[in-house]
Structures are given as structure tokens and as C-alpha cells.
């Protein structure tokens, strides 16, 4: 899915001074991209589809988002709240700031390699404690598993990249550009690391002065 960019002011967040900025994004685009990524996830897709059905919504709400449809934007925010606690200060979004500036950008290989995983036991273990995708990739190549969870999804995603598949944008957050944490797209970030970050990586970056409470 290609997430459409919502209409937004041209002002660029002054905290984003290094990455190649493509333009401003929005909360609505972030929510749409987040849900699109979860829909295709082996881990989260089934639960998301169950909530879609319970809300009487079709998958088209996520696969073909219209960011200019206020009702659809509201429905997606409600869905993300139901499955992940968005804007309710719970679950994944506990301590997440209420006001975030969203920007579309391209990360170079070095910038992408510096992104950290979410502080969650699986990602900490997979990376050997560093939360860096390059360390996780090295451990995957060495055949090491986190909590005995198979690494095949990472390898399959890396093969898809090699074959030319394009991934949806990563969603990254931080107080500043040089200290980013992955909010959504951990598998894709790991796949990029496995193939050596061969190209600039499109992402949505959210910044806020208090983001450090979430992006530890």
C-alpha cells in the first residue's frame, strides 16, 4: 500500500535537519500506514481483521485509505485505539505524546542502521541487547533465535527485497532525528539490515519534545 500524503502546512520540523525530508505528513497518514503494516503482519493481522469485522468495516478502509475522508480517518483512529491503545495512554502507546509532528523522509543506510528497536524483550534479545538492527541481522545470519522464535519471516522479507519488492514506509519516532526508535516496521527494518541497507529507506518520522518518555 502507498499511503497518501494528507494536506499539511509546508513548515518542516526544525528537529529534522539531517535526513532527506520529502514533506510534511499527518497523524491520519501515520495511523493509516500503521494499520496497513499490521494488516499484513502474521502476528497482528488476525486480531486486526477481527476488530475490523466487529466494527462493521471492510479491509478497504485500510488497503485504500482516503485521508481526506474525515469519517474514515476517525474510524481508523478508533481501530488503532482498540487494537493498540492509541491515544488512550495504554499498551503500545503508553506514554506516547498527544501532540506529534509527522514528517515524510528518506533515511540513508547509516541513518537507518542507527535506528533502535522498541524496548521490548523480544527485540532486545534478538539484537543481543543493543536494540540495533545490524546486530540483530548478524545474529540471524549466525542462526541465533530470540526465545526460540523462528527467523524465517526476516529471511523471507529480505529475499523479497532482493527480488525488488518495495515495502511500506517505516514509522519512526524520537525527540530528535539522530535518536530514532521504530514504532512500526520492525520486521521490515530487520530485512533492510539483512540485505545491508542497499537503498534510501522511506519513512514517517514523528517528533515531540516529550517523546523520550516513550522512545527510551
N, C-alpha and C. Protein backbone atom coordinates (compact mmCIF):
# COMPACT_ATOMS: atom_id res chain seq x y z
N UNK A 1 0.83 -1.19 0.00
CA UNK A 1 0.00 0.00 0.00
C UNK A 1 0.86 1.23 0.00
N UNK A 2 0.47 2.22 -0.76
CA UNK A 2 1.10 3.52 -0.71
C UNK A 2 0.21 4.46 0.07
N UNK A 3 0.69 4.97 1.16
CA UNK A 3 -0.11 5.88 1.97
C UNK A 3 -0.12 7.24 1.32
N UNK A 4 -1.30 7.78 1.10
CA UNK A 4 -1.40 9.11 0.53
C UNK A 4 -0.96 10.14 1.55
N UNK A 5 -0.37 11.22 1.08
CA UNK A 5 0.06 12.27 1.97
C UNK A 5 -1.08 13.26 2.14
N UNK A 6 -1.46 13.51 3.37
CA UNK A 6 -2.53 14.45 3.64
C UNK A 6 -2.05 15.87 3.44
N UNK A 7 -2.99 16.75 3.15
CA UNK A 7 -2.67 18.16 3.02
C UNK A 7 -2.13 18.66 4.35
N UNK A 8 -1.03 19.40 4.32
CA UNK A 8 -0.42 19.86 5.56
C UNK A 8 0.37 21.13 5.26
N UNK A 9 0.65 21.93 6.30
CA UNK A 9 1.47 23.12 6.10
C UNK A 9 2.85 22.74 5.60
N UNK A 10 3.54 23.68 4.98
CA UNK A 10 4.86 23.42 4.43
C UNK A 10 5.98 23.51 5.46
N UNK A 11 5.64 23.95 6.67
CA UNK A 11 6.65 24.08 7.69
C UNK A 11 7.22 22.71 8.05
N UNK A 12 8.55 22.61 8.08
CA UNK A 12 9.23 21.36 8.41
C UNK A 12 9.74 21.43 9.83
N UNK A 13 9.57 20.37 10.57
CA UNK A 13 10.02 20.30 11.96
C UNK A 13 11.49 20.65 12.05
N UNK A 14 11.87 21.68 12.82
CA UNK A 14 13.28 22.06 12.92
C UNK A 14 14.15 20.99 13.53
N UNK A 15 13.55 19.99 14.20
CA UNK A 15 14.36 18.91 14.78
C UNK A 15 14.79 17.91 13.72
N UNK A 16 14.26 18.03 12.50
CA UNK A 16 14.66 17.14 11.41
C UNK A 16 15.55 17.91 10.45
N UNK A 17 16.84 17.93 10.70
CA UNK A 17 17.76 18.75 9.93
C UNK A 17 18.76 17.95 9.12
N UNK A 18 18.78 16.62 9.32
CA UNK A 18 19.80 15.82 8.67
C UNK A 18 19.20 14.91 7.61
N UNK A 19 18.11 14.24 7.93
CA UNK A 19 17.52 13.31 6.98
C UNK A 19 16.99 14.07 5.77
N UNK A 20 16.83 13.36 4.68
CA UNK A 20 16.29 13.97 3.47
C UNK A 20 14.76 14.05 3.61
N UNK A 21 14.28 15.24 3.85
CA UNK A 21 12.85 15.44 4.09
C UNK A 21 12.10 15.49 2.76
N UNK A 22 11.03 14.71 2.68
CA UNK A 22 10.19 14.70 1.49
C UNK A 22 9.02 15.64 1.62
N UNK A 23 8.59 15.92 2.84
CA UNK A 23 7.45 16.81 3.06
C UNK A 23 6.80 16.50 4.38
N UNK A 24 5.77 17.27 4.70
CA UNK A 24 5.05 17.05 5.93
C UNK A 24 4.06 15.91 5.79
N UNK A 25 3.83 15.22 6.87
CA UNK A 25 2.83 14.16 6.93
C UNK A 25 1.77 14.58 7.93
N UNK A 26 1.07 13.61 8.51
CA UNK A 26 -0.01 13.92 9.45
C UNK A 26 -0.29 12.72 10.33
N UNK A 27 -1.01 12.97 11.40
CA UNK A 27 -1.45 11.88 12.27
C UNK A 27 -2.30 10.87 11.48
N UNK A 28 -3.17 11.37 10.62
CA UNK A 28 -4.03 10.48 9.85
C UNK A 28 -3.23 9.56 8.94
N UNK A 29 -2.17 10.09 8.32
CA UNK A 29 -1.35 9.24 7.46
C UNK A 29 -0.59 8.21 8.28
N UNK A 30 -0.08 8.63 9.45
CA UNK A 30 0.62 7.68 10.31
C UNK A 30 -0.30 6.53 10.70
N UNK A 31 -1.51 6.86 11.13
CA UNK A 31 -2.45 5.83 11.56
C UNK A 31 -2.76 4.87 10.40
N UNK A 32 -2.98 5.43 9.21
CA UNK A 32 -3.26 4.60 8.04
C UNK A 32 -2.10 3.68 7.71
N UNK A 33 -0.88 4.20 7.75
CA UNK A 33 0.29 3.40 7.45
C UNK A 33 0.52 2.33 8.52
N UNK A 34 0.30 2.69 9.77
CA UNK A 34 0.48 1.74 10.86
C UNK A 34 -0.46 0.56 10.68
N UNK A 35 -1.73 0.83 10.44
CA UNK A 35 -2.71 -0.23 10.31
C UNK A 35 -2.47 -1.07 9.07
N UNK A 36 -1.99 -0.46 8.00
CA UNK A 36 -1.67 -1.22 6.80
C UNK A 36 -0.55 -2.22 7.08
N UNK A 37 0.46 -1.77 7.82
CA UNK A 37 1.55 -2.67 8.18
C UNK A 37 1.07 -3.82 9.05
N UNK A 38 0.20 -3.53 10.01
CA UNK A 38 -0.32 -4.57 10.90
C UNK A 38 -1.22 -5.55 10.16
N UNK A 39 -1.93 -5.05 9.15
CA UNK A 39 -2.84 -5.92 8.40
C UNK A 39 -2.09 -7.06 7.73
N UNK A 40 -0.88 -6.77 7.25
CA UNK A 40 -0.09 -7.79 6.55
C UNK A 40 0.80 -8.60 7.49
N UNK A 41 0.72 -8.31 8.79
CA UNK A 41 1.56 -8.97 9.78
C UNK A 41 1.01 -10.35 10.14
N UNK A 42 1.90 -11.34 10.19
CA UNK A 42 1.48 -12.67 10.63
C UNK A 42 1.05 -12.65 12.08
N UNK A 43 1.64 -11.79 12.87
CA UNK A 43 1.37 -11.75 14.30
C UNK A 43 0.11 -10.96 14.63
N UNK A 44 -0.08 -9.83 13.95
CA UNK A 44 -1.15 -8.91 14.35
C UNK A 44 -2.33 -8.87 13.38
N UNK A 45 -2.17 -9.43 12.19
CA UNK A 45 -3.20 -9.29 11.17
C UNK A 45 -4.54 -9.90 11.56
N UNK A 46 -4.52 -11.08 12.18
CA UNK A 46 -5.78 -11.75 12.51
C UNK A 46 -6.60 -10.93 13.51
N UNK A 47 -5.95 -10.43 14.55
CA UNK A 47 -6.66 -9.63 15.55
C UNK A 47 -7.21 -8.35 14.93
N UNK A 48 -6.44 -7.74 14.05
CA UNK A 48 -6.90 -6.52 13.40
C UNK A 48 -8.13 -6.79 12.53
N UNK A 49 -8.12 -7.89 11.80
CA UNK A 49 -9.28 -8.24 10.98
C UNK A 49 -10.51 -8.52 11.84
N UNK A 50 -10.31 -9.11 13.00
CA UNK A 50 -11.44 -9.36 13.91
C UNK A 50 -12.06 -8.05 14.38
N UNK A 51 -11.22 -7.08 14.70
CA UNK A 51 -11.75 -5.78 15.13
C UNK A 51 -12.41 -5.04 13.97
N UNK A 52 -11.86 -5.20 12.76
CA UNK A 52 -12.49 -4.60 11.58
C UNK A 52 -13.91 -5.15 11.41
N UNK A 53 -14.03 -6.46 11.50
CA UNK A 53 -15.33 -7.09 11.33
C UNK A 53 -16.30 -6.66 12.43
N UNK A 54 -15.82 -6.59 13.67
CA UNK A 54 -16.66 -6.19 14.78
C UNK A 54 -17.17 -4.76 14.62
N UNK A 55 -16.36 -3.93 13.97
CA UNK A 55 -16.75 -2.54 13.74
C UNK A 55 -17.57 -2.37 12.47
N UNK A 56 -17.81 -3.48 11.74
CA UNK A 56 -18.59 -3.41 10.52
C UNK A 56 -17.86 -2.74 9.38
N UNK A 57 -16.53 -2.81 9.39
CA UNK A 57 -15.72 -2.15 8.38
C UNK A 57 -15.08 -3.18 7.45
N UNK A 58 -14.91 -2.80 6.20
CA UNK A 58 -14.24 -3.65 5.22
C UNK A 58 -12.74 -3.36 5.23
N UNK A 59 -11.95 -4.31 4.74
CA UNK A 59 -10.50 -4.11 4.69
C UNK A 59 -10.10 -2.93 3.82
N UNK A 60 -10.99 -2.52 2.93
CA UNK A 60 -10.69 -1.36 2.07
C UNK A 60 -10.40 -0.11 2.89
N UNK A 61 -10.95 -0.04 4.10
CA UNK A 61 -10.66 1.08 4.98
C UNK A 61 -9.16 1.22 5.20
N UNK A 62 -8.45 0.08 5.20
CA UNK A 62 -7.01 0.07 5.45
C UNK A 62 -6.19 -0.06 4.17
N UNK A 63 -6.71 -0.79 3.20
CA UNK A 63 -5.93 -1.03 1.98
C UNK A 63 -6.00 0.13 1.00
N UNK A 64 -7.06 0.92 1.07
CA UNK A 64 -7.22 2.08 0.18
C UNK A 64 -7.68 3.30 0.99
N UNK A 65 -6.82 3.79 1.88
CA UNK A 65 -7.23 4.88 2.76
C UNK A 65 -7.39 6.21 2.02
N UNK A 66 -8.48 6.89 2.30
CA UNK A 66 -8.70 8.24 1.78
C UNK A 66 -8.50 9.19 2.96
N UNK A 67 -7.36 9.87 2.96
CA UNK A 67 -7.03 10.72 4.09
C UNK A 67 -7.84 12.01 4.12
N UNK A 68 -8.63 12.25 3.09
CA UNK A 68 -9.48 13.44 3.07
C UNK A 68 -10.90 13.12 3.51
N UNK A 69 -11.13 11.86 3.90
CA UNK A 69 -12.43 11.43 4.40
C UNK A 69 -12.37 11.44 5.92
N UNK A 70 -12.99 12.45 6.54
CA UNK A 70 -12.89 12.61 7.99
C UNK A 70 -13.48 11.41 8.73
N UNK A 71 -14.58 10.86 8.22
CA UNK A 71 -15.19 9.71 8.86
C UNK A 71 -14.30 8.50 8.84
N UNK A 72 -13.63 8.27 7.71
CA UNK A 72 -12.71 7.14 7.60
C UNK A 72 -11.50 7.33 8.50
N UNK A 73 -11.00 8.55 8.59
CA UNK A 73 -9.88 8.82 9.49
C UNK A 73 -10.26 8.53 10.93
N UNK A 74 -11.46 8.94 11.31
CA UNK A 74 -11.95 8.69 12.68
C UNK A 74 -12.05 7.19 12.93
N UNK A 75 -12.56 6.45 11.95
CA UNK A 75 -12.72 5.01 12.10
C UNK A 75 -11.36 4.33 12.26
N UNK A 76 -10.36 4.78 11.52
CA UNK A 76 -9.02 4.18 11.64
C UNK A 76 -8.41 4.50 13.00
N UNK A 77 -8.57 5.73 13.48
CA UNK A 77 -8.04 6.06 14.80
C UNK A 77 -8.70 5.21 15.88
N UNK A 78 -10.02 5.02 15.76
CA UNK A 78 -10.73 4.18 16.73
C UNK A 78 -10.24 2.73 16.67
N UNK A 79 -9.93 2.27 15.48
CA UNK A 79 -9.43 0.90 15.32
C UNK A 79 -8.05 0.75 15.94
N UNK A 80 -7.18 1.73 15.73
CA UNK A 80 -5.85 1.67 16.32
C UNK A 80 -5.92 1.77 17.85
N UNK A 81 -6.88 2.53 18.34
CA UNK A 81 -7.09 2.60 19.78
C UNK A 81 -7.51 1.23 20.32
N UNK A 82 -8.40 0.55 19.60
CA UNK A 82 -8.91 -0.74 20.06
C UNK A 82 -7.84 -1.82 20.08
N UNK A 83 -6.99 -1.84 19.05
CA UNK A 83 -6.02 -2.94 18.95
C UNK A 83 -4.69 -2.64 19.62
N UNK A 84 -4.35 -1.33 19.79
CA UNK A 84 -3.02 -1.00 20.29
C UNK A 84 -3.01 0.08 21.37
N UNK A 85 -4.18 0.62 21.71
CA UNK A 85 -4.23 1.62 22.77
C UNK A 85 -3.88 3.02 22.34
N UNK A 86 -3.96 3.31 21.03
CA UNK A 86 -3.58 4.63 20.52
C UNK A 86 -4.46 5.72 21.11
N UNK A 87 -3.82 6.80 21.56
CA UNK A 87 -4.49 7.98 22.13
C UNK A 87 -5.24 7.66 23.43
N UNK A 88 -4.95 6.49 24.02
CA UNK A 88 -5.57 6.10 25.27
C UNK A 88 -4.53 5.84 26.36
N UNK A 89 -3.26 6.14 26.05
CA UNK A 89 -2.17 6.01 27.01
C UNK A 89 -2.09 4.60 27.60
N UNK A 90 -2.16 3.59 26.72
CA UNK A 90 -2.06 2.21 27.19
C UNK A 90 -1.42 1.34 26.12
N UNK A 91 -1.08 0.11 26.52
CA UNK A 91 -0.49 -0.88 25.62
C UNK A 91 0.71 -0.29 24.87
N UNK A 92 0.78 -0.46 23.57
CA UNK A 92 1.93 0.04 22.82
C UNK A 92 2.11 1.54 22.97
N UNK A 93 1.02 2.27 23.11
CA UNK A 93 1.08 3.73 23.11
C UNK A 93 1.06 4.33 24.51
N UNK A 94 1.42 3.55 25.51
CA UNK A 94 1.55 4.11 26.85
C UNK A 94 2.69 5.13 26.87
N UNK A 95 2.45 6.30 27.41
CA UNK A 95 3.41 7.41 27.48
C UNK A 95 3.70 8.05 26.13
N UNK A 96 2.91 7.72 25.11
CA UNK A 96 3.11 8.34 23.79
C UNK A 96 2.52 9.74 23.81
N UNK A 97 3.26 10.75 23.31
CA UNK A 97 2.76 12.13 23.36
C UNK A 97 1.47 12.33 22.57
N UNK A 98 0.66 13.25 23.05
CA UNK A 98 -0.61 13.55 22.37
C UNK A 98 -0.38 14.39 21.13
N UNK A 99 0.67 15.19 21.12
CA UNK A 99 0.93 16.10 20.00
C UNK A 99 2.29 15.77 19.38
N UNK A 100 2.24 15.26 18.16
CA UNK A 100 3.45 14.81 17.46
C UNK A 100 3.47 15.44 16.08
N UNK A 101 4.64 15.91 15.66
CA UNK A 101 4.82 16.42 14.30
C UNK A 101 5.30 15.28 13.42
N UNK A 102 4.57 15.03 12.33
CA UNK A 102 4.88 13.91 11.43
C UNK A 102 5.45 14.42 10.12
N UNK A 103 6.55 13.80 9.69
CA UNK A 103 7.28 14.20 8.50
C UNK A 103 7.60 12.97 7.66
N UNK A 104 7.52 13.12 6.35
CA UNK A 104 7.96 12.06 5.44
C UNK A 104 9.43 12.31 5.11
N UNK A 105 10.23 11.26 5.13
CA UNK A 105 11.66 11.44 4.91
C UNK A 105 12.27 10.18 4.32
N UNK A 106 13.50 10.34 3.83
CA UNK A 106 14.31 9.21 3.38
C UNK A 106 15.52 9.10 4.31
N UNK A 107 15.79 7.89 4.76
CA UNK A 107 16.97 7.64 5.58
C UNK A 107 18.07 7.01 4.74
N UNK A 108 19.29 7.49 4.92
CA UNK A 108 20.43 6.84 4.31
C UNK A 108 20.71 5.53 5.04
N UNK A 109 21.63 4.75 4.51
CA UNK A 109 21.98 3.48 5.14
C UNK A 109 22.49 3.70 6.56
N UNK A 110 23.36 4.68 6.75
CA UNK A 110 23.91 4.94 8.08
C UNK A 110 22.83 5.39 9.04
N UNK A 111 21.92 6.23 8.57
CA UNK A 111 20.85 6.71 9.44
C UNK A 111 19.91 5.56 9.83
N UNK A 112 19.60 4.70 8.86
CA UNK A 112 18.72 3.57 9.14
C UNK A 112 19.37 2.60 10.12
N UNK A 113 20.67 2.39 9.96
CA UNK A 113 21.38 1.48 10.85
C UNK A 113 21.39 1.99 12.29
N UNK A 114 21.22 3.28 12.46
CA UNK A 114 21.23 3.88 13.80
C UNK A 114 19.88 3.85 14.49
N UNK A 115 18.84 3.46 13.78
CA UNK A 115 17.51 3.35 14.39
C UNK A 115 17.51 2.20 15.39
N UNK A 116 16.87 2.41 16.54
CA UNK A 116 16.78 1.35 17.54
C UNK A 116 15.40 0.70 17.51
N UNK A 117 15.39 -0.56 17.89
CA UNK A 117 14.13 -1.26 18.08
C UNK A 117 13.40 -0.70 19.30
N UNK A 118 12.10 -0.97 19.35
CA UNK A 118 11.31 -0.74 20.53
C UNK A 118 11.92 -1.50 21.72
N UNK A 119 11.83 -0.91 22.91
CA UNK A 119 12.36 -1.58 24.10
C UNK A 119 11.36 -2.65 24.54
N UNK A 120 11.47 -3.80 23.90
CA UNK A 120 10.59 -4.94 24.16
C UNK A 120 11.47 -6.17 24.21
N UNK A 121 11.14 -7.10 25.10
CA UNK A 121 12.04 -8.21 25.39
C UNK A 121 12.49 -8.97 24.14
N UNK A 122 11.58 -9.21 23.20
CA UNK A 122 11.95 -9.97 22.01
C UNK A 122 13.02 -9.24 21.19
N UNK A 123 12.81 -7.94 20.97
CA UNK A 123 13.75 -7.19 20.13
C UNK A 123 15.08 -6.97 20.85
N UNK A 124 15.02 -6.82 22.16
CA UNK A 124 16.27 -6.73 22.93
C UNK A 124 17.07 -8.03 22.80
N UNK A 125 16.39 -9.15 22.93
CA UNK A 125 17.06 -10.46 22.83
C UNK A 125 17.59 -10.71 21.42
N UNK A 126 16.76 -10.40 20.41
CA UNK A 126 17.16 -10.65 19.03
C UNK A 126 18.43 -9.90 18.66
N UNK A 127 18.58 -8.69 19.21
CA UNK A 127 19.74 -7.85 18.89
C UNK A 127 20.90 -8.02 19.86
N UNK A 128 20.79 -8.97 20.77
CA UNK A 128 21.86 -9.18 21.73
C UNK A 128 21.97 -8.08 22.76
N UNK A 129 20.89 -7.34 22.95
CA UNK A 129 20.86 -6.28 23.96
C UNK A 129 21.02 -4.87 23.43
N UNK A 130 21.47 -4.73 22.19
CA UNK A 130 21.76 -3.38 21.67
C UNK A 130 20.54 -2.66 21.11
N UNK A 131 19.52 -3.43 20.70
CA UNK A 131 18.33 -2.91 20.02
C UNK A 131 18.68 -2.31 18.64
N UNK A 132 19.81 -2.70 18.07
CA UNK A 132 20.22 -2.22 16.75
C UNK A 132 19.93 -3.28 15.69
N UNK A 133 19.35 -2.92 14.56
CA UNK A 133 19.01 -3.90 13.53
C UNK A 133 20.23 -4.60 12.93
N UNK A 134 21.36 -3.90 12.85
CA UNK A 134 22.55 -4.55 12.30
C UNK A 134 23.03 -5.69 13.19
N UNK A 135 22.91 -5.52 14.50
CA UNK A 135 23.29 -6.58 15.42
C UNK A 135 22.32 -7.74 15.32
N UNK A 136 21.03 -7.42 15.18
CA UNK A 136 20.03 -8.48 15.00
C UNK A 136 20.30 -9.27 13.72
N UNK A 137 20.63 -8.55 12.65
CA UNK A 137 20.90 -9.22 11.38
C UNK A 137 22.09 -10.17 11.50
N UNK A 138 23.13 -9.74 12.20
CA UNK A 138 24.31 -10.60 12.38
C UNK A 138 23.94 -11.86 13.16
N UNK A 139 23.10 -11.73 14.17
CA UNK A 139 22.71 -12.88 14.96
C UNK A 139 21.80 -13.82 14.16
N UNK A 140 20.94 -13.24 13.31
CA UNK A 140 20.08 -14.07 12.46
C UNK A 140 20.93 -14.87 11.48
N UNK A 141 21.93 -14.22 10.88
CA UNK A 141 22.82 -14.93 9.95
C UNK A 141 23.57 -16.05 10.66
N UNK A 142 23.84 -15.84 11.94
CA UNK A 142 24.55 -16.85 12.72
C UNK A 142 23.62 -17.97 13.20
N UNK A 143 22.35 -17.85 12.88
CA UNK A 143 21.40 -18.89 13.26
C UNK A 143 20.85 -18.77 14.67
N UNK A 144 21.08 -17.61 15.31
CA UNK A 144 20.60 -17.42 16.67
C UNK A 144 19.15 -16.94 16.66
N UNK A 145 18.36 -17.46 17.58
CA UNK A 145 16.95 -17.10 17.68
C UNK A 145 16.69 -16.39 19.01
N UNK A 146 15.66 -15.54 19.01
CA UNK A 146 15.21 -14.92 20.25
C UNK A 146 14.07 -15.75 20.81
N UNK A 147 14.26 -16.30 21.99
CA UNK A 147 13.24 -17.11 22.66
C UNK A 147 12.74 -18.25 21.77
N UNK A 148 13.64 -18.75 20.93
CA UNK A 148 13.37 -19.88 20.04
C UNK A 148 12.27 -19.58 19.00
N UNK A 149 12.03 -18.31 18.72
CA UNK A 149 11.09 -17.93 17.66
C UNK A 149 11.81 -18.03 16.32
N UNK A 150 11.23 -18.71 15.34
CA UNK A 150 11.91 -18.88 14.04
C UNK A 150 12.23 -17.53 13.38
N UNK A 151 13.35 -17.51 12.66
CA UNK A 151 13.79 -16.29 11.96
C UNK A 151 13.34 -16.23 10.50
N UNK A 152 12.59 -17.24 10.06
CA UNK A 152 12.21 -17.30 8.65
C UNK A 152 11.48 -16.06 8.13
N UNK A 153 10.61 -15.44 8.93
CA UNK A 153 9.94 -14.24 8.40
C UNK A 153 10.92 -13.13 8.00
N UNK A 154 12.00 -12.98 8.77
CA UNK A 154 13.00 -11.98 8.42
C UNK A 154 13.71 -12.36 7.12
N UNK A 155 14.06 -13.62 7.01
CA UNK A 155 14.76 -14.09 5.82
C UNK A 155 13.88 -13.99 4.59
N UNK A 156 12.60 -14.33 4.75
CA UNK A 156 11.66 -14.21 3.62
C UNK A 156 11.52 -12.76 3.18
N UNK A 157 11.44 -11.85 4.14
CA UNK A 157 11.31 -10.43 3.81
C UNK A 157 12.57 -9.91 3.12
N UNK A 158 13.73 -10.37 3.57
CA UNK A 158 14.99 -9.96 2.94
C UNK A 158 15.04 -10.45 1.50
N UNK A 159 14.58 -11.68 1.26
CA UNK A 159 14.55 -12.22 -0.11
C UNK A 159 13.60 -11.41 -0.99
N UNK A 160 12.48 -10.97 -0.41
CA UNK A 160 11.55 -10.13 -1.17
C UNK A 160 12.20 -8.82 -1.58
N UNK A 161 12.98 -8.23 -0.68
CA UNK A 161 13.71 -7.00 -1.03
C UNK A 161 14.68 -7.25 -2.17
N UNK A 162 15.40 -8.35 -2.10
CA UNK A 162 16.38 -8.68 -3.13
C UNK A 162 15.69 -8.82 -4.50
N UNK A 163 14.47 -9.34 -4.48
CA UNK A 163 13.71 -9.53 -5.71
C UNK A 163 13.05 -8.25 -6.21
N UNK A 164 13.21 -7.16 -5.45
CA UNK A 164 12.71 -5.87 -5.92
C UNK A 164 11.42 -5.40 -5.29
N UNK A 165 10.91 -6.12 -4.31
CA UNK A 165 9.68 -5.68 -3.66
C UNK A 165 9.92 -4.40 -2.88
N UNK A 166 8.95 -3.50 -2.93
CA UNK A 166 9.04 -2.25 -2.17
C UNK A 166 8.16 -2.36 -0.94
N UNK A 167 8.71 -1.94 0.19
CA UNK A 167 7.99 -2.02 1.45
C UNK A 167 7.29 -0.70 1.77
N UNK A 168 6.22 -0.75 2.56
CA UNK A 168 5.61 0.49 3.05
C UNK A 168 6.60 1.25 3.93
N UNK A 169 6.36 2.53 4.16
CA UNK A 169 7.28 3.31 4.99
C UNK A 169 7.39 2.76 6.40
N UNK A 170 8.58 2.83 6.97
CA UNK A 170 8.75 2.59 8.39
C UNK A 170 8.14 3.76 9.15
N UNK A 171 7.73 3.52 10.38
CA UNK A 171 7.26 4.60 11.24
C UNK A 171 8.23 4.69 12.42
N UNK A 172 8.91 5.82 12.51
CA UNK A 172 9.97 6.03 13.50
C UNK A 172 9.65 7.26 14.33
N UNK A 173 10.09 7.26 15.57
CA UNK A 173 9.81 8.41 16.45
C UNK A 173 11.01 8.72 17.32
N UNK A 174 11.06 9.97 17.78
CA UNK A 174 12.12 10.38 18.68
C UNK A 174 11.97 11.85 19.02
N UNK A 175 12.74 12.29 19.99
CA UNK A 175 12.76 13.72 20.29
C UNK A 175 13.50 14.48 19.20
N UNK A 176 14.51 13.83 18.62
CA UNK A 176 15.29 14.42 17.53
C UNK A 176 15.58 13.35 16.49
N UNK A 177 15.99 13.80 15.32
CA UNK A 177 16.25 12.89 14.20
C UNK A 177 17.38 11.92 14.46
N UNK A 178 18.34 12.28 15.30
CA UNK A 178 19.51 11.43 15.47
C UNK A 178 19.34 10.41 16.60
N UNK A 179 18.11 10.24 17.07
CA UNK A 179 17.87 9.28 18.15
C UNK A 179 16.49 8.67 17.97
N UNK A 180 16.33 7.89 16.88
CA UNK A 180 15.02 7.39 16.50
C UNK A 180 14.79 5.95 16.96
N UNK A 181 13.54 5.67 17.31
CA UNK A 181 13.10 4.34 17.70
C UNK A 181 11.99 3.91 16.76
N UNK A 182 11.98 2.64 16.41
CA UNK A 182 10.97 2.12 15.50
C UNK A 182 9.64 1.94 16.23
N UNK A 183 8.61 2.57 15.72
CA UNK A 183 7.25 2.39 16.24
C UNK A 183 6.54 1.27 15.50
N UNK A 184 6.66 1.24 14.18
CA UNK A 184 6.05 0.18 13.37
C UNK A 184 6.99 -0.14 12.22
N UNK A 185 7.16 -1.46 11.97
CA UNK A 185 8.01 -1.88 10.86
C UNK A 185 9.27 -2.61 11.28
N UNK A 186 9.25 -3.24 12.45
CA UNK A 186 10.45 -3.91 12.94
C UNK A 186 10.93 -5.02 11.99
N UNK A 187 10.00 -5.79 11.47
CA UNK A 187 10.39 -6.85 10.55
C UNK A 187 11.02 -6.27 9.29
N UNK A 188 10.42 -5.21 8.75
CA UNK A 188 10.97 -4.59 7.54
C UNK A 188 12.33 -3.97 7.82
N UNK A 189 12.48 -3.33 8.96
CA UNK A 189 13.77 -2.74 9.33
C UNK A 189 14.84 -3.82 9.42
N UNK A 190 14.49 -4.97 9.98
CA UNK A 190 15.44 -6.08 10.09
C UNK A 190 15.80 -6.64 8.72
N UNK A 191 14.80 -6.72 7.84
CA UNK A 191 15.06 -7.19 6.48
C UNK A 191 16.02 -6.26 5.75
N UNK A 192 15.83 -4.96 5.92
CA UNK A 192 16.77 -3.99 5.32
C UNK A 192 18.18 -4.24 5.84
N UNK A 193 18.29 -4.49 7.15
CA UNK A 193 19.61 -4.74 7.72
C UNK A 193 20.23 -6.01 7.16
N UNK A 194 19.42 -7.04 6.95
CA UNK A 194 19.93 -8.30 6.42
C UNK A 194 20.51 -8.15 5.03
N UNK A 195 19.98 -7.22 4.24
CA UNK A 195 20.49 -7.02 2.88
C UNK A 195 21.44 -5.83 2.82
N UNK A 196 21.81 -5.28 3.98
CA UNK A 196 22.83 -4.25 4.02
C UNK A 196 22.37 -2.85 3.70
N UNK A 197 21.10 -2.56 3.91
CA UNK A 197 20.57 -1.22 3.65
C UNK A 197 21.04 -0.71 2.28
N UNK A 198 20.64 -1.37 1.20
CA UNK A 198 21.18 -1.03 -0.12
C UNK A 198 20.61 0.23 -0.74
N UNK A 199 19.57 0.79 -0.15
CA UNK A 199 18.92 1.94 -0.76
C UNK A 199 18.39 2.87 0.32
N UNK A 200 18.09 4.11 -0.05
CA UNK A 200 17.45 5.01 0.89
C UNK A 200 16.09 4.44 1.29
N UNK A 201 15.71 4.62 2.53
CA UNK A 201 14.52 3.99 3.08
C UNK A 201 13.49 5.06 3.41
N UNK A 202 12.31 4.90 2.83
CA UNK A 202 11.23 5.86 3.09
C UNK A 202 10.63 5.59 4.47
N UNK A 203 10.32 6.67 5.17
CA UNK A 203 9.75 6.51 6.50
C UNK A 203 8.89 7.72 6.86
N UNK A 204 8.07 7.52 7.85
CA UNK A 204 7.39 8.61 8.53
C UNK A 204 8.09 8.81 9.85
N UNK A 205 8.45 10.05 10.16
CA UNK A 205 9.15 10.34 11.41
C UNK A 205 8.28 11.25 12.26
N UNK A 206 8.04 10.82 13.50
CA UNK A 206 7.29 11.62 14.45
C UNK A 206 8.20 12.17 15.52
N UNK A 207 8.15 13.47 15.74
CA UNK A 207 8.98 14.09 16.77
C UNK A 207 8.11 14.89 17.73
N UNK A 208 8.54 14.90 18.97
CA UNK A 208 7.87 15.68 20.02
C UNK A 208 8.86 15.87 21.16
N UNK A 209 8.81 17.02 21.84
CA UNK A 209 9.76 17.28 22.93
C UNK A 209 9.69 16.24 24.05
N UNK A 210 8.53 15.61 24.22
CA UNK A 210 8.38 14.63 25.31
C UNK A 210 8.41 13.19 24.80
N UNK A 211 8.84 12.97 23.56
CA UNK A 211 8.85 11.63 23.00
C UNK A 211 9.78 10.68 23.75
N UNK A 212 10.76 11.24 24.45
CA UNK A 212 11.69 10.41 25.21
C UNK A 212 11.04 9.56 26.27
N UNK A 213 9.86 9.95 26.73
CA UNK A 213 9.14 9.12 27.71
C UNK A 213 8.70 7.80 27.07
N UNK A 214 8.46 7.81 25.77
CA UNK A 214 8.08 6.57 25.06
C UNK A 214 9.31 5.95 24.40
N UNK A 215 10.06 6.75 23.66
CA UNK A 215 11.18 6.23 22.85
C UNK A 215 12.44 6.17 23.70
N UNK A 216 12.45 5.26 24.64
CA UNK A 216 13.61 5.14 25.55
C UNK A 216 14.75 4.40 24.86
